[in-house]
């Protein structure tokens, strides 16, 4: 089973960017934790981090017929990326939205996600555990039959 992991803009700065908010765990450490869990779950991961919206969308499109699910942290695209929302809706597999922080408890403008309505579910506010719980949920959901379009 192939699952995708998409890290949005500025997430390459985890561990350095506002550690009082995001903690000191780096993106490389998160990816290593996900890789270890993927081995435990018997799934293959394809991972991307990009600061460019189109690269994330292209990544989803590239794997539309190969992947069985995707874990997406849209980061700064959460509140305004209609194209990413539409790409997620077009996927024939479940997508789980994850956030390290509880976006509803942060600045007012961060509280609303336009990605959430396109996702199967959202896990947030648990730091790196958001990713790990998201991957566990995704692996369980991905065994369900694919949507027919």
C-alpha atoms as a PDB file:
ATOM      1  CA  UNK A   1       0.000   0.000   0.000  1.00  0.00           C
ATOM      2  CA  UNK A   2       1.385   3.392  -1.006  1.00  0.00           C
ATOM      3  CA  UNK A   3       0.524   6.457   1.074  1.00  0.00           C
ATOM      4  CA  UNK A   4       1.532  10.044   0.414  1.00  0.00           C
ATOM      5  CA  UNK A   5       2.793  12.637   2.885  1.00  0.00           C
ATOM      6  CA  UNK A   6       2.638  16.283   1.852  1.00  0.00           C
ATOM      7  CA  UNK A   7       4.277  19.000   3.946  1.00  0.00           C
ATOM      8  CA  UNK A   8       3.340  22.539   2.943  1.00  0.00           C
ATOM      9  CA  UNK A   9       5.151  25.880   2.964  1.00  0.00           C
ATOM     10  CA  UNK A  10       7.704  26.668   5.676  1.00  0.00           C
ATOM     11  CA  UNK A  11       7.421  23.255   7.310  1.00  0.00           C
ATOM     12  CA  UNK A  12      11.038  22.639   6.343  1.00  0.00           C
ATOM     13  CA  UNK A  13      11.718  25.112   9.175  1.00  0.00           C
ATOM     14  CA  UNK A  14      10.193  22.923  11.911  1.00  0.00           C
ATOM     15  CA  UNK A  15      12.565  22.945  14.872  1.00  0.00           C
ATOM     16  CA  UNK A  16      13.740  26.471  14.068  1.00  0.00           C
ATOM     17  CA  UNK A  17      10.547  28.396  13.291  1.00  0.00           C
ATOM     18  CA  UNK A  18       8.737  29.611  16.405  1.00  0.00           C
ATOM     19  CA  UNK A  19       9.798  26.676  18.595  1.00  0.00           C
ATOM     20  CA  UNK A  20       7.568  28.018  21.380  1.00  0.00           C
ATOM     21  CA  UNK A  21       4.623  27.199  19.073  1.00  0.00           C
ATOM     22  CA  UNK A  22       5.819  24.278  16.930  1.00  0.00           C
ATOM     23  CA  UNK A  23       8.363  22.691  19.249  1.00  0.00           C
ATOM     24  CA  UNK A  24      11.917  21.682  18.448  1.00  0.00           C
ATOM     25  CA  UNK A  25      11.185  18.568  16.395  1.00  0.00           C
ATOM     26  CA  UNK A  26      12.564  18.978  12.881  1.00  0.00           C
ATOM     27  CA  UNK A  27      10.854  17.915   9.678  1.00  0.00           C
ATOM     28  CA  UNK A  28      13.590  15.298   9.163  1.00  0.00           C
ATOM     29  CA  UNK A  29      12.737  13.860  12.596  1.00  0.00           C
ATOM     30  CA  UNK A  30       9.020  13.812  11.762  1.00  0.00           C
ATOM     31  CA  UNK A  31       9.754  12.065   8.468  1.00  0.00           C
ATOM     32  CA  UNK A  32      11.932   9.513  10.301  1.00  0.00           C
ATOM     33  CA  UNK A  33       9.125   8.834  12.803  1.00  0.00           C
ATOM     34  CA  UNK A  34       6.673   8.418   9.922  1.00  0.00           C
ATOM     35  CA  UNK A  35       9.065   6.075   8.092  1.00  0.00           C
ATOM     36  CA  UNK A  36       9.443   3.901  11.199  1.00  0.00           C
ATOM     37  CA  UNK A  37       5.675   3.766  11.683  1.00  0.00           C
ATOM     38  CA  UNK A  38       5.160   3.004   7.985  1.00  0.00           C
ATOM     39  CA  UNK A  39       7.466  -0.001   8.342  1.00  0.00           C
ATOM     40  CA  UNK A  40       5.487  -1.165  11.373  1.00  0.00           C
ATOM     41  CA  UNK A  41       2.211  -0.749   9.462  1.00  0.00           C
ATOM     42  CA  UNK A  42       3.572  -2.377   6.308  1.00  0.00           C
ATOM     43  CA  UNK A  43       2.977   0.644   4.073  1.00  0.00           C
ATOM     44  CA  UNK A  44       5.187   2.545   1.649  1.00  0.00           C
ATOM     45  CA  UNK A  45       5.468   6.329   1.907  1.00  0.00           C
ATOM     46  CA  UNK A  46       6.128   8.894  -0.788  1.00  0.00           C
ATOM     47  CA  UNK A  47       6.924  12.232   0.828  1.00  0.00           C
ATOM     48  CA  UNK A  48       7.238  15.811  -0.386  1.00  0.00           C
ATOM     49  CA  UNK A  49       7.815  19.165   1.257  1.00  0.00           C
ATOM     50  CA  UNK A  50       7.336  22.222  -0.885  1.00  0.00           C
ATOM     51  CA  UNK A  51       6.947  25.923  -0.389  1.00  0.00           C
ATOM     52  CA  UNK A  52       5.041  26.004  -3.682  1.00  0.00           C
ATOM     53  CA  UNK A  53       1.340  25.220  -3.932  1.00  0.00           C
ATOM     54  CA  UNK A  54       1.604  23.875  -7.474  1.00  0.00           C
ATOM     55  CA  UNK A  55       4.306  21.364  -6.537  1.00  0.00           C
ATOM     56  CA  UNK A  56       2.010  19.851  -3.889  1.00  0.00           C
ATOM     57  CA  UNK A  57      -0.871  19.667  -6.369  1.00  0.00           C
ATOM     58  CA  UNK A  58       1.373  18.108  -9.026  1.00  0.00           C
ATOM     59  CA  UNK A  59       2.504  15.519  -6.463  1.00  0.00           C
ATOM     60  CA  UNK A  60      -1.106  14.506  -5.758  1.00  0.00           C
ATOM     61  CA  UNK A  61      -1.866  14.313  -9.481  1.00  0.00           C
ATOM     62  CA  UNK A  62       1.254  12.207 -10.107  1.00  0.00           C
ATOM     63  CA  UNK A  63       0.076   9.529  -7.668  1.00  0.00           C
ATOM     64  CA  UNK A  64      -3.680   9.657  -8.332  1.00  0.00           C
ATOM     65  CA  UNK A  65      -3.699   6.089  -9.690  1.00  0.00           C
ATOM     66  CA  UNK A  66      -0.924   4.652  -7.503  1.00  0.00           C
ATOM     67  CA  UNK A  67      -1.625   5.839  -3.964  1.00  0.00           C
ATOM     68  CA  UNK A  68      -4.247   4.626  -1.541  1.00  0.00           C
ATOM     69  CA  UNK A  69      -4.259   7.698   0.682  1.00  0.00           C
ATOM     70  CA  UNK A  70      -2.560  10.965   1.620  1.00  0.00           C
ATOM     71  CA  UNK A  71      -1.564  12.769   4.794  1.00  0.00           C
ATOM     72  CA  UNK A  72      -1.471  16.538   4.202  1.00  0.00           C
ATOM     73  CA  UNK A  73      -0.224  19.378   6.354  1.00  0.00           C
ATOM     74  CA  UNK A  74      -1.153  22.330   4.143  1.00  0.00           C
ATOM     75  CA  UNK A  75       0.490  24.814   6.533  1.00  0.00           C
ATOM     76  CA  UNK A  76       0.015  28.377   5.252  1.00  0.00           C
ATOM     77  CA  UNK A  77      -2.193  27.095   2.421  1.00  0.00           C
ATOM     78  CA  UNK A  78      -4.808  25.932   4.941  1.00  0.00           C
ATOM     79  CA  UNK A  79      -6.836  29.115   4.932  1.00  0.00           C
ATOM     80  CA  UNK A  80      -6.804  30.081   1.256  1.00  0.00           C
ATOM     81  CA  UNK A  81      -5.757  27.378  -1.209  1.00  0.00           C
ATOM     82  CA  UNK A  82      -8.770  26.652  -3.366  1.00  0.00           C
ATOM     83  CA  UNK A  83      -6.560  24.791  -5.879  1.00  0.00           C
ATOM     84  CA  UNK A  84      -5.247  22.426  -3.173  1.00  0.00           C
ATOM     85  CA  UNK A  85      -8.780  21.939  -1.850  1.00  0.00           C
ATOM     86  CA  UNK A  86      -9.971  21.036  -5.358  1.00  0.00           C
ATOM     87  CA  UNK A  87      -7.036  18.662  -5.941  1.00  0.00           C
ATOM     88  CA  UNK A  88      -7.779  16.841  -2.678  1.00  0.00           C
ATOM     89  CA  UNK A  89     -11.467  16.542  -3.600  1.00  0.00           C
ATOM     90  CA  UNK A  90     -10.455  14.999  -6.928  1.00  0.00           C
ATOM     91  CA  UNK A  91      -8.458  12.209  -5.297  1.00  0.00           C
ATOM     92  CA  UNK A  92     -10.115   8.772  -5.281  1.00  0.00           C
ATOM     93  CA  UNK A  93      -8.537   7.970  -1.912  1.00  0.00           C
ATOM     94  CA  UNK A  94      -8.869   9.295   1.649  1.00  0.00           C
ATOM     95  CA  UNK A  95      -6.908  12.369   2.665  1.00  0.00           C
ATOM     96  CA  UNK A  96      -6.214  13.236   6.301  1.00  0.00           C
ATOM     97  CA  UNK A  97      -5.359  16.855   7.148  1.00  0.00           C
ATOM     98  CA  UNK A  98      -2.859  17.254   9.978  1.00  0.00           C
ATOM     99  CA  UNK A  99      -1.507  20.232  11.909  1.00  0.00           C
ATOM    100  CA  UNK A 100       1.085  20.319  14.669  1.00  0.00           C
ATOM    101  CA  UNK A 101      -0.864  23.038  16.481  1.00  0.00           C
ATOM    102  CA  UNK A 102      -4.539  23.481  17.238  1.00  0.00           C
ATOM    103  CA  UNK A 103      -5.347  26.049  14.565  1.00  0.00           C
ATOM    104  CA  UNK A 104      -8.695  26.808  16.202  1.00  0.00           C
ATOM    105  CA  UNK A 105      -6.869  28.023  19.321  1.00  0.00           C
ATOM    106  CA  UNK A 106      -4.509  30.349  17.462  1.00  0.00           C
ATOM    107  CA  UNK A 107      -5.032  33.642  15.652  1.00  0.00           C
ATOM    108  CA  UNK A 108      -8.589  34.162  14.474  1.00  0.00           C
ATOM    109  CA  UNK A 109      -7.606  34.068  10.801  1.00  0.00           C
ATOM    110  CA  UNK A 110      -5.933  30.647  11.249  1.00  0.00           C
ATOM    111  CA  UNK A 111      -9.034  29.043  12.742  1.00  0.00           C
ATOM    112  CA  UNK A 112     -10.783  28.287   9.462  1.00  0.00           C
ATOM    113  CA  UNK A 113      -9.472  25.627   7.087  1.00  0.00           C
ATOM    114  CA  UNK A 114     -10.809  25.480   3.552  1.00  0.00           C
ATOM    115  CA  UNK A 115      -8.924  22.186   3.210  1.00  0.00           C
ATOM    116  CA  UNK A 116     -10.933  20.411   5.931  1.00  0.00           C
ATOM    117  CA  UNK A 117     -14.157  20.023   3.901  1.00  0.00           C
ATOM    118  CA  UNK A 118     -12.175  18.163   1.218  1.00  0.00           C
ATOM    119  CA  UNK A 119     -10.436  15.866   3.713  1.00  0.00           C
ATOM    120  CA  UNK A 120     -11.772  12.668   5.254  1.00  0.00           C
ATOM    121  CA  UNK A 121     -10.711  13.960   8.670  1.00  0.00           C
ATOM    122  CA  UNK A 122      -8.413  16.317  10.556  1.00  0.00           C
ATOM    123  CA  UNK A 123      -5.980  15.701  13.403  1.00  0.00           C
ATOM    124  CA  UNK A 124      -4.415  18.747  15.028  1.00  0.00           C
ATOM    125  CA  UNK A 125      -2.831  20.194  18.125  1.00  0.00           C
ATOM    126  CA  UNK A 126      -0.757  17.187  19.147  1.00  0.00           C
ATOM    127  CA  UNK A 127       2.642  18.178  17.796  1.00  0.00           C
ATOM    128  CA  UNK A 128       4.400  15.352  15.941  1.00  0.00           C
ATOM    129  CA  UNK A 129       1.773  12.929  17.282  1.00  0.00           C
ATOM    130  CA  UNK A 130      -0.706  14.569  14.895  1.00  0.00           C
ATOM    131  CA  UNK A 131       1.308  13.102  12.027  1.00  0.00           C
ATOM    132  CA  UNK A 132       1.650   9.668  13.628  1.00  0.00           C
ATOM    133  CA  UNK A 133      -2.017   9.432  14.534  1.00  0.00           C
ATOM    134  CA  UNK A 134      -2.886  10.666  11.055  1.00  0.00           C
ATOM    135  CA  UNK A 135      -0.776   7.939   9.452  1.00  0.00           C
ATOM    136  CA  UNK A 136      -2.380   5.240  11.614  1.00  0.00           C
ATOM    137  CA  UNK A 137      -5.855   6.494  10.687  1.00  0.00           C
ATOM    138  CA  UNK A 138      -4.934   6.762   7.024  1.00  0.00           C
ATOM    139  CA  UNK A 139      -3.545   3.228   6.880  1.00  0.00           C
ATOM    140  CA  UNK A 140      -6.791   1.932   8.397  1.00  0.00           C
ATOM    141  CA  UNK A 141      -8.954   3.970   6.021  1.00  0.00           C
ATOM    142  CA  UNK A 142      -6.915   3.144   2.931  1.00  0.00           C
ATOM    143  CA  UNK A 143      -7.893  -0.512   3.064  1.00  0.00           C
ATOM    144  CA  UNK A 144     -11.484   0.485   2.316  1.00  0.00           C
ATOM    145  CA  UNK A 145     -12.522   0.210  -1.356  1.00  0.00           C
ATOM    146  CA  UNK A 146     -11.629   3.210  -3.518  1.00  0.00           C
ATOM    147  CA  UNK A 147     -14.371   5.590  -4.508  1.00  0.00           C
ATOM    148  CA  UNK A 148     -15.646   5.042  -8.006  1.00  0.00           C
ATOM    149  CA  UNK A 149     -15.925   8.165 -10.099  1.00  0.00           C
END
